[in-house]
Amino acid sequence: MEKILSRMKILNLNTYEKSGGAAIATNRRHQALLKLGVESILAVAEKESDDSTVFSFNGRVGKALRPFQQFPDYLLPRLYSGKDNTLFSPALCPTGTTQKLAMLSADIIQLDWICNSFLSAYSLGKIKKPVVWTLHDAWAFTGGCHILKACERYKSKCGNCPQLGSSSYHDLSHVTWLAKNRAYAKLNPVIVTPSKHMYRLVKESSLLGRSKVAHIPNGIDERQFFPIDRSIARQLLHLPSDAKIVLFGAMSASSDKNKGYDLLLSALQYLKNSSEENIHCVIFGATCGDPLPFPTHYLGILHDSVSINLAYNAANVFVCPSREENFPNTVLESQSTGTPVVAFTIGGIPDMVSHMESGYLAPAYDTKELAKGIASILHDDVYRDDMGKAARRTVEKQYANDIVAEQYLQLYESVLNNKV
């Protein structure tokens, strides 16, 4: 390994440096690689920090021109009058990123979330270096959608896209599928899926089904997310000291339907009808939402790990009511602080949460069962503490940053030695 490390240079590509779950996971891996002595660079569309290991493809002029560069990807899906409100990324227009890649030499190109006009399908086909691509959602193997919503057209060649409201086989999703298919024939990426669920989807897909696929989870710095005294956390966040606190958080927590705020509301209504305890709700990632049946505290967007760590530690339980998830950072963060998670049995969450041991898993979208899981943890402090300790042990053994980074290094070494 030492010989490989002495010359190995990793170029990580992600649209954003810090914004969004993929950016967080990418940055964590990048920082872990640096700590292991690997020469790692993170290249993004727009830099958000003063980190010298992060490179921006856009200077002042590029930043000013970026909205015009993004416009085709924004416009094309909206030409379909029946399009729903979920994100759809055609990525058909060349972005010029491949020319800029020549400025940054690397042994491995590590792709992560590259949408929002950062890398087009055409640009992907121009990359000449070995590529490892970690999938944070379904976009890489679809005709443009990021979440599937039970659609299985990714198994064929897309077209007749329900998210576009299209009845034509030769629609934007099929055109995008064709562009990706041409690019992937040249790119030949090695795919990484953080969850076993995503692994199965990739192997079923028409675009990436024949690709080499590895399963490596996302990691977390367990020294940044750690248990602290709950009373101190509540005091610092100005939360009631004597309440049982239910925590929920995500980007666009109350407005993104996929995050399940409405399902949380339904579960809490069941809980309200069956419990007389002093329950409060705490929400981060939003400043408002439809009224919940308990007193609710909105923390807004939390920008640093210190405040996020406080939020998890202030809670008795964290709820993840999402409709679709790959490997959510929030679940990993909550477990790292020793706060049990209640969630649906969907996506990669069963990889992370052991039912009745480190958390509680309800059948998909069964809000009554979700309420039962919340209640069981709120009502039994010993049960809750045992779950929290089990969750923390799981993180330390499986998801600590250095453990995950070592798995990536082994994969990179295999790619460079043509063993994958």
Protein backbone atom coordinates (compact mmCIF):
# COMPACT_ATOMS: atom_id res chain seq x y z
CA MET A 1 0.00 0.00 0.00
CA GLU A 2 2.86 2.42 0.81
CA LYS A 3 4.20 2.31 -2.77
CA ILE A 4 0.77 3.09 -4.16
CA LEU A 5 0.23 5.90 -1.65
CA SER A 6 3.54 7.53 -2.53
CA ARG A 7 2.33 8.29 -6.05
CA MET A 8 -1.43 8.12 -5.80
CA LYS A 9 -3.28 11.36 -6.53
CA ILE A 10 -7.06 11.49 -6.28
CA LEU A 11 -9.16 14.16 -7.98
CA ASN A 12 -12.65 14.29 -6.45
CA LEU A 13 -15.36 15.98 -8.53
CA ASN A 14 -18.57 17.19 -6.93
CA THR A 15 -20.75 20.12 -7.97
CA TYR A 16 -20.82 21.64 -4.50
CA GLU A 17 -18.24 21.84 -1.74
CA LYS A 18 -20.58 21.81 1.26
CA SER A 19 -24.20 22.10 0.14
CA GLY A 20 -26.22 18.88 0.17
CA GLY A 21 -25.77 15.36 1.40
CA ALA A 22 -23.48 14.29 -1.44
CA ALA A 23 -21.16 17.24 -0.82
CA ILE A 24 -20.98 16.41 2.87
CA ALA A 25 -20.17 12.74 2.19
CA THR A 26 -17.62 13.67 -0.49
CA ASN A 27 -15.88 16.20 1.74
CA ARG A 28 -15.70 13.70 4.59
CA ARG A 29 -14.01 11.13 2.38
CA HIS A 30 -11.67 13.77 0.92
CA GLN A 31 -10.58 14.92 4.39
CA ALA A 32 -10.12 11.32 5.55
CA LEU A 33 -7.88 10.57 2.55
CA LEU A 34 -5.76 13.61 3.34
CA LYS A 35 -5.31 12.41 6.92
CA LEU A 36 -4.11 9.06 5.59
CA GLY A 37 -1.40 10.85 3.60
CA VAL A 38 -3.05 10.63 0.19
CA GLU A 39 -2.72 13.56 -2.22
CA SER A 40 -6.40 14.39 -2.64
CA ILE A 41 -8.00 17.40 -4.33
CA LEU A 42 -11.68 18.29 -4.33
CA ALA A 43 -12.77 20.19 -7.46
CA VAL A 44 -16.17 21.92 -7.41
CA ALA A 45 -18.22 24.34 -9.46
CA GLU A 46 -18.01 27.07 -6.82
CA LYS A 47 -15.74 27.09 -3.79
CA GLU A 48 -17.39 27.85 -0.43
CA SER A 49 -14.38 27.87 1.92
CA ASP A 50 -10.72 28.84 2.12
CA ASP A 51 -9.57 25.20 2.10
CA SER A 52 -6.42 25.03 -0.05
CA THR A 53 -7.20 21.42 -1.06
CA VAL A 54 -10.47 22.55 -2.71
CA PHE A 55 -10.28 23.87 -6.28
CA SER A 56 -13.01 25.85 -8.04
CA PHE A 57 -13.55 25.52 -11.78
CA ASN A 58 -15.21 28.93 -11.82
CA GLY A 59 -13.50 32.22 -11.06
CA ARG A 60 -15.36 35.51 -10.95
CA VAL A 61 -16.22 35.43 -14.64
CA GLY A 62 -17.21 31.76 -14.54
CA LYS A 63 -19.38 32.37 -11.49
CA ALA A 64 -21.17 35.20 -13.28
CA LEU A 65 -21.73 33.06 -16.38
CA ARG A 66 -22.84 29.97 -14.50
CA PRO A 67 -26.58 30.83 -14.46
CA PHE A 68 -26.51 31.00 -18.26
CA GLN A 69 -24.70 27.66 -18.35
CA GLN A 70 -27.38 26.14 -16.12
CA PHE A 71 -30.31 27.50 -18.10
CA PRO A 72 -30.64 24.68 -20.70
CA ASP A 73 -30.78 22.03 -17.96
CA TYR A 74 -33.41 24.12 -16.21
CA LEU A 75 -35.46 24.81 -19.34
CA LEU A 76 -35.55 21.46 -21.17
CA PRO A 77 -37.56 19.48 -18.54
CA ARG A 78 -39.99 22.38 -18.18
CA LEU A 79 -40.97 22.16 -21.81
CA TYR A 80 -43.11 19.22 -20.66
CA SER A 81 -46.35 20.60 -19.28
CA GLY A 82 -46.97 17.47 -17.20
CA LYS A 83 -43.61 17.52 -15.40
CA ASP A 84 -43.81 17.00 -11.64
CA ASN A 85 -41.84 19.07 -9.12
CA THR A 86 -38.91 16.70 -8.59
CA LEU A 87 -35.40 17.40 -9.84
CA PHE A 88 -34.67 16.22 -13.40
CA SER A 89 -31.19 16.78 -14.88
CA PRO A 90 -30.66 16.20 -18.62
CA ALA A 91 -26.96 17.25 -18.58
CA LEU A 92 -26.88 17.30 -22.40
CA CYS A 93 -25.06 20.59 -22.99
CA PRO A 94 -21.22 20.60 -22.97
CA THR A 95 -19.86 22.51 -19.96
CA GLY A 96 -16.16 22.88 -20.78
CA THR A 97 -15.19 21.09 -17.58
CA THR A 98 -13.12 18.42 -19.32
CA GLN A 99 -10.71 21.05 -20.65
CA LYS A 100 -10.25 22.34 -17.11
CA LEU A 101 -9.58 18.81 -15.85
CA ALA A 102 -6.30 18.87 -17.78
CA MET A 103 -5.09 21.51 -15.32
CA LEU A 104 -5.35 19.00 -12.46
CA SER A 105 -3.32 15.84 -12.94
CA ALA A 106 -4.57 12.73 -11.18
CA ASP A 107 -4.21 8.96 -11.11
CA ILE A 108 -7.89 8.44 -10.27
CA ILE A 109 -10.88 10.63 -11.10
CA GLN A 110 -13.39 10.19 -8.28
CA LEU A 111 -16.86 11.32 -9.36
CA ASP A 112 -19.66 12.05 -6.92
CA TRP A 113 -22.72 14.30 -7.49
CA ILE A 114 -21.96 16.10 -10.77
CA CYS A 115 -25.33 17.54 -11.85
CA ASN A 116 -26.61 21.11 -12.06
CA SER A 117 -24.55 21.69 -15.22
CA PHE A 118 -21.20 20.68 -13.74
CA LEU A 119 -20.40 17.69 -15.96
CA SER A 120 -22.45 16.74 -19.01
CA ALA A 121 -22.78 13.29 -20.54
CA TYR A 122 -20.57 14.57 -23.36
CA SER A 123 -17.93 15.67 -20.82
CA LEU A 124 -17.97 12.26 -19.15
CA GLY A 125 -17.14 10.60 -22.44
CA LYS A 126 -14.02 12.77 -22.74
CA ILE A 127 -12.39 11.74 -19.45
CA LYS A 128 -9.28 9.67 -20.12
CA LYS A 129 -8.18 8.72 -16.61
CA PRO A 130 -9.50 5.74 -14.59
CA VAL A 131 -12.84 6.71 -13.03
CA VAL A 132 -14.46 5.63 -9.77
CA TRP A 133 -18.01 6.97 -9.38
CA THR A 134 -19.87 7.00 -6.07
CA LEU A 135 -23.63 7.18 -6.55
CA HIS A 136 -25.56 9.35 -4.10
CA ASP A 137 -28.87 8.99 -5.96
CA ALA A 138 -30.26 7.27 -9.06
CA TRP A 139 -29.25 9.87 -11.67
CA ALA A 140 -26.27 8.00 -13.14
CA PHE A 141 -28.43 5.10 -14.34
CA THR A 142 -31.60 6.96 -15.36
CA GLY A 143 -32.63 9.27 -18.18
CA GLY A 144 -32.41 12.27 -15.87
CA CYS A 145 -34.38 11.66 -12.67
CA HIS A 146 -32.71 11.48 -9.25
CA ILE A 147 -35.34 9.54 -7.32
CA LEU A 148 -37.26 6.70 -8.94
CA LYS A 149 -40.74 7.03 -7.40
CA ALA A 150 -41.27 3.30 -8.10
CA CYS A 151 -40.59 3.75 -11.84
CA GLU A 152 -38.65 0.85 -13.39
CA ARG A 153 -37.95 2.28 -16.82
CA TYR A 154 -34.26 2.56 -15.83
CA LYS A 155 -34.17 -1.19 -16.51
CA SER A 156 -34.79 -0.54 -20.21
CA LYS A 157 -34.00 2.72 -22.02
CA CYS A 158 -36.28 5.16 -20.22
CA GLY A 159 -38.75 7.09 -22.41
CA ASN A 160 -42.42 7.60 -21.57
CA CYS A 161 -41.09 9.28 -18.45
CA PRO A 162 -43.71 9.63 -15.68
CA GLN A 163 -41.76 12.43 -13.99
CA LEU A 164 -41.88 14.42 -17.22
CA GLY A 165 -45.51 13.48 -17.74
CA SER A 166 -44.46 12.17 -21.15
CA SER A 167 -46.29 9.66 -23.32
CA SER A 168 -43.53 9.55 -25.96
CA TYR A 169 -40.83 6.91 -26.00
CA HIS A 170 -38.46 9.36 -27.73
CA ASP A 171 -38.70 11.98 -25.00
CA LEU A 172 -35.99 13.85 -23.09
CA SER A 173 -35.37 10.92 -20.75
CA HIS A 174 -34.67 8.58 -23.68
CA VAL A 175 -32.41 11.14 -25.38
CA THR A 176 -30.49 11.54 -22.12
CA TRP A 177 -30.28 7.75 -21.75
CA LEU A 178 -28.72 7.52 -25.24
CA ALA A 179 -26.19 10.25 -24.45
CA LYS A 180 -25.14 8.52 -21.23
CA ASN A 181 -24.92 5.15 -22.96
CA ARG A 182 -22.47 6.57 -25.51
CA ALA A 183 -20.42 8.26 -22.80
CA TYR A 184 -20.25 5.23 -20.51
CA ALA A 185 -18.92 3.05 -23.32
CA LYS A 186 -15.84 5.31 -23.32
CA LEU A 187 -15.76 6.10 -19.60
CA ASN A 188 -16.04 2.51 -18.30
CA PRO A 189 -16.41 3.65 -14.67
CA VAL A 190 -16.04 1.53 -11.57
CA ILE A 191 -19.19 2.20 -9.54
CA VAL A 192 -19.40 2.56 -5.76
CA THR A 193 -22.76 2.30 -4.02
CA PRO A 194 -23.01 3.36 -0.35
CA SER A 195 -26.04 1.12 0.21
CA LYS A 196 -26.86 -2.46 -0.69
CA HIS A 197 -30.18 -1.21 -2.06
CA MET A 198 -28.40 1.08 -4.54
CA TYR A 199 -26.12 -1.82 -5.49
CA ARG A 200 -29.16 -3.88 -6.50
CA LEU A 201 -30.62 -1.00 -8.51
CA VAL A 202 -27.34 -0.50 -10.39
CA LYS A 203 -27.08 -4.19 -11.28
CA GLU A 204 -30.67 -4.09 -12.61
CA SER A 205 -30.09 -0.99 -14.72
CA SER A 206 -29.60 -0.96 -18.47
CA LEU A 207 -26.91 1.74 -18.32
CA LEU A 208 -24.62 0.41 -15.57
CA GLY A 209 -25.74 -3.19 -15.11
CA ARG A 210 -22.54 -4.54 -16.67
CA SER A 211 -20.23 -2.20 -14.80
CA LYS A 212 -17.92 -3.25 -12.03
CA VAL A 213 -19.64 -2.32 -8.78
CA ALA A 214 -18.30 -2.10 -5.23
CA HIS A 215 -20.27 -1.50 -2.04
CA ILE A 216 -18.61 1.02 0.30
CA PRO A 217 -20.69 2.99 2.82
CA ASN A 218 -20.36 6.69 3.48
CA GLY A 219 -18.22 7.61 6.45
CA ILE A 220 -18.37 10.07 9.31
CA ASP A 221 -15.90 11.71 11.67
CA GLU A 222 -17.05 10.19 14.94
CA ARG A 223 -14.96 12.80 16.78
CA GLN A 224 -17.17 15.59 15.42
CA PHE A 225 -20.45 13.78 16.10
CA PHE A 226 -20.29 12.31 19.59
CA PRO A 227 -22.47 11.94 22.71
CA ILE A 228 -22.61 14.85 25.15
CA ASP A 229 -24.81 15.58 28.13
CA ARG A 230 -28.39 16.14 26.93
CA SER A 231 -29.10 18.87 29.44
CA ILE A 232 -26.10 20.90 28.24
CA ALA A 233 -27.18 20.53 24.60
CA ARG A 234 -30.69 21.72 25.43
CA GLN A 235 -29.43 24.64 27.45
CA LEU A 236 -27.21 25.83 24.59
CA LEU A 237 -30.06 25.50 22.06
CA HIS A 238 -32.63 27.05 24.43
CA LEU A 239 -34.82 23.94 24.41
CA PRO A 240 -37.03 22.77 27.30
CA SER A 241 -35.10 20.67 29.79
CA ASP A 242 -38.01 18.47 30.90
CA ALA A 243 -39.58 17.56 27.52
CA LYS A 244 -39.28 14.40 25.45
CA ILE A 245 -37.84 15.74 22.18
CA VAL A 246 -38.50 14.28 18.73
CA LEU A 247 -35.96 15.55 16.18
CA PHE A 248 -36.37 15.72 12.41
CA GLY A 249 -34.04 17.38 9.91
CA ALA A 250 -32.99 17.46 6.27
CA MET A 251 -32.32 19.92 3.49
CA SER A 252 -35.65 21.59 2.70
CA ALA A 253 -37.04 19.52 5.55
CA SER A 254 -40.63 20.75 5.37
CA SER A 255 -40.89 21.50 1.63
CA ASP A 256 -39.23 18.52 -0.09
CA LYS A 257 -41.97 15.88 -0.33
CA ASN A 258 -39.41 13.09 -0.53
CA LYS A 259 -38.20 13.94 2.99
CA GLY A 260 -41.60 12.92 4.37
CA TYR A 261 -42.66 15.88 6.52
CA ASP A 262 -46.30 14.93 5.81
CA LEU A 263 -45.60 11.36 6.94
CA LEU A 264 -44.00 12.68 10.11
CA LEU A 265 -47.10 14.79 10.71
CA SER A 266 -49.32 11.72 10.32
CA ALA A 267 -47.17 9.69 12.74
CA LEU A 268 -47.17 12.46 15.33
CA GLN A 269 -50.96 12.70 15.15
CA TYR A 270 -51.13 9.02 16.09
CA LEU A 271 -48.65 9.69 18.88
CA LYS A 272 -50.69 12.64 20.14
CA ASN A 273 -53.75 10.45 20.45
CA SER A 274 -51.95 7.75 22.41
CA SER A 275 -49.53 9.69 24.64
CA GLU A 276 -49.93 12.16 27.47
CA GLU A 277 -46.22 12.87 27.84
CA ASN A 278 -44.63 16.28 27.50
CA ILE A 279 -43.43 15.94 23.90
CA HIS A 280 -41.78 18.69 21.84
CA CYS A 281 -40.60 18.59 18.22
CA VAL A 282 -37.38 20.11 16.94
CA ILE A 283 -36.81 20.69 13.20
CA PHE A 284 -33.60 21.68 11.45
CA GLY A 285 -33.27 22.46 7.75
CA ALA A 286 -36.46 24.57 7.76
CA THR A 287 -37.87 27.67 9.42
CA CYS A 288 -41.55 26.75 9.14
CA GLY A 289 -43.94 24.01 8.04
CA ASP A 290 -47.47 22.71 8.44
CA PRO A 291 -48.34 22.79 12.16
CA LEU A 292 -47.37 19.66 14.08
CA PRO A 293 -49.52 18.40 16.97
CA PHE A 294 -46.82 19.20 19.55
CA PRO A 295 -44.93 22.40 20.42
CA THR A 296 -42.35 22.82 17.66
CA HIS A 297 -38.97 24.54 17.59
CA TYR A 298 -37.46 25.36 14.17
CA LEU A 299 -33.67 25.69 14.19
CA GLY A 300 -33.38 26.72 10.52
CA ILE A 301 -30.35 25.66 8.49
CA LEU A 302 -27.44 24.56 10.67
CA HIS A 303 -24.14 25.29 8.94
CA ASP A 304 -21.58 23.75 11.29
CA SER A 305 -21.02 20.37 12.88
CA VAL A 306 -21.02 21.84 16.41
CA SER A 307 -24.64 23.05 16.24
CA ILE A 308 -25.77 19.92 14.38
CA ASN A 309 -24.13 17.75 17.03
CA LEU A 310 -25.96 19.71 19.73
CA ALA A 311 -29.30 19.17 17.99
CA TYR A 312 -28.90 15.39 17.89
CA ASN A 313 -27.75 15.27 21.50
CA ALA A 314 -30.67 17.40 22.65
CA ALA A 315 -33.15 14.85 21.25
CA ASN A 316 -34.50 11.62 22.69
CA VAL A 317 -35.09 10.23 19.20
CA PHE A 318 -34.39 11.21 15.60
CA VAL A 319 -37.04 10.41 12.98
CA CYS A 320 -36.23 9.87 9.29
CA PRO A 321 -39.61 9.56 7.48
CA SER A 322 -38.21 9.79 3.92
CA ARG A 323 -39.89 8.12 0.98
CA GLU A 324 -36.59 7.29 -0.76
CA GLU A 325 -33.06 7.38 0.60
CA ASN A 326 -29.72 5.96 -0.44
CA PHE A 327 -27.52 6.34 2.65
CA PRO A 328 -28.69 9.41 4.57
CA ASN A 329 -26.09 11.43 6.46
CA THR A 330 -28.66 12.39 9.09
CA VAL A 331 -29.14 8.77 10.17
CA LEU A 332 -25.37 8.29 10.38
CA GLU A 333 -24.91 11.52 12.35
CA SER A 334 -27.68 10.70 14.81
CA GLN A 335 -26.29 7.24 15.44
CA SER A 336 -22.81 8.67 15.95
CA THR A 337 -24.14 10.88 18.75
CA GLY A 338 -25.90 7.92 20.37
CA THR A 339 -29.40 9.13 19.54
CA PRO A 340 -31.61 6.26 18.28
CA VAL A 341 -33.25 6.54 14.85
CA VAL A 342 -36.81 5.66 13.89
CA ALA A 343 -37.31 5.30 10.14
CA PHE A 344 -39.02 3.38 7.39
CA THR A 345 -37.49 0.21 6.00
CA ILE A 346 -36.46 1.82 2.72
CA GLY A 347 -33.26 2.32 0.71
CA GLY A 348 -30.03 1.97 2.64
CA ILE A 349 -31.51 2.66 6.07
CA PRO A 350 -31.74 -1.07 6.98
CA ASP A 351 -27.97 -1.25 6.33
CA MET A 352 -27.47 1.35 9.05
CA VAL A 353 -30.17 0.66 11.64
CA SER A 354 -30.67 -2.72 13.33
CA HIS A 355 -34.35 -3.02 14.22
CA MET A 356 -34.97 -3.04 17.99
CA GLU A 357 -31.21 -2.99 18.64
CA SER A 358 -29.83 0.37 17.46
CA GLY A 359 -33.12 1.89 16.35
CA TYR A 360 -36.61 1.11 15.11
CA LEU A 361 -37.65 0.31 11.53
CA ALA A 362 -41.28 0.62 10.45
CA PRO A 363 -42.69 -0.89 7.24
CA ALA A 364 -42.50 1.59 4.37
CA TYR A 365 -44.90 4.53 4.82
CA ASP A 366 -46.76 2.91 7.74
CA THR A 367 -47.09 6.03 9.88
CA LYS A 368 -48.94 4.23 12.66
CA GLU A 369 -46.01 1.85 13.08
CA LEU A 370 -43.61 4.81 12.86
CA ALA A 371 -45.50 6.38 15.76
CA LYS A 372 -45.21 3.11 17.68
CA GLY A 373 -41.45 3.15 17.23
CA ILE A 374 -41.18 6.75 18.44
CA ALA A 375 -43.35 6.01 21.47
CA SER A 376 -41.38 2.90 22.43
CA ILE A 377 -38.17 4.93 22.64
CA LEU A 378 -39.68 7.97 24.35
CA HIS A 379 -41.35 5.89 27.05
CA ASP A 380 -38.35 3.80 28.14
CA ASP A 381 -35.12 5.62 29.01
CA VAL A 382 -33.14 2.42 29.61
CA TYR A 383 -34.25 1.01 26.25
CA ARG A 384 -33.35 4.31 24.60
CA ASP A 385 -29.88 4.44 26.19
CA ASP A 386 -29.10 0.85 25.21
CA MET A 387 -30.13 1.58 21.63
CA GLY A 388 -28.01 4.72 21.57
CA LYS A 389 -24.92 2.88 22.78
CA ALA A 390 -25.44 0.15 20.18
CA ALA A 391 -25.80 2.80 17.46
CA ARG A 392 -22.57 4.49 18.52
CA ARG A 393 -20.70 1.16 18.51
CA THR A 394 -21.95 0.46 14.99
CA VAL A 395 -20.57 3.78 13.76
CA GLU A 396 -17.20 3.24 15.41
CA LYS A 397 -16.83 -0.26 13.93
CA GLN A 398 -18.23 0.27 10.43
CA TYR A 399 -18.57 3.91 9.44
CA ALA A 400 -15.67 5.82 10.98
CA ASN A 401 -13.98 7.96 8.32
CA ASP A 402 -10.62 6.20 8.47
CA ILE A 403 -12.26 2.77 8.04
CA VAL A 404 -14.21 3.92 4.98
CA ALA A 405 -11.21 5.76 3.50
CA GLU A 406 -9.12 2.57 3.75
CA GLN A 407 -11.78 0.73 1.74
CA TYR A 408 -11.57 3.39 -0.96
CA LEU A 409 -7.77 3.15 -1.01
CA GLN A 410 -7.98 -0.59 -1.54
CA LEU A 411 -10.38 -0.01 -4.43
CA TYR A 412 -8.16 2.67 -5.99
CA GLU A 413 -5.16 0.37 -5.73
CA SER A 414 -7.10 -2.39 -7.48
CA VAL A 415 -8.19 0.00 -10.24
CA LEU A 416 -4.63 1.23 -10.82
CA ASN A 417 -3.35 -2.36 -10.91
CA ASN A 418 -6.17 -3.41 -13.25
CA LYS A 419 -7.49 -5.89 -10.70
CA VAL A 420 -11.08 -4.59 -10.79
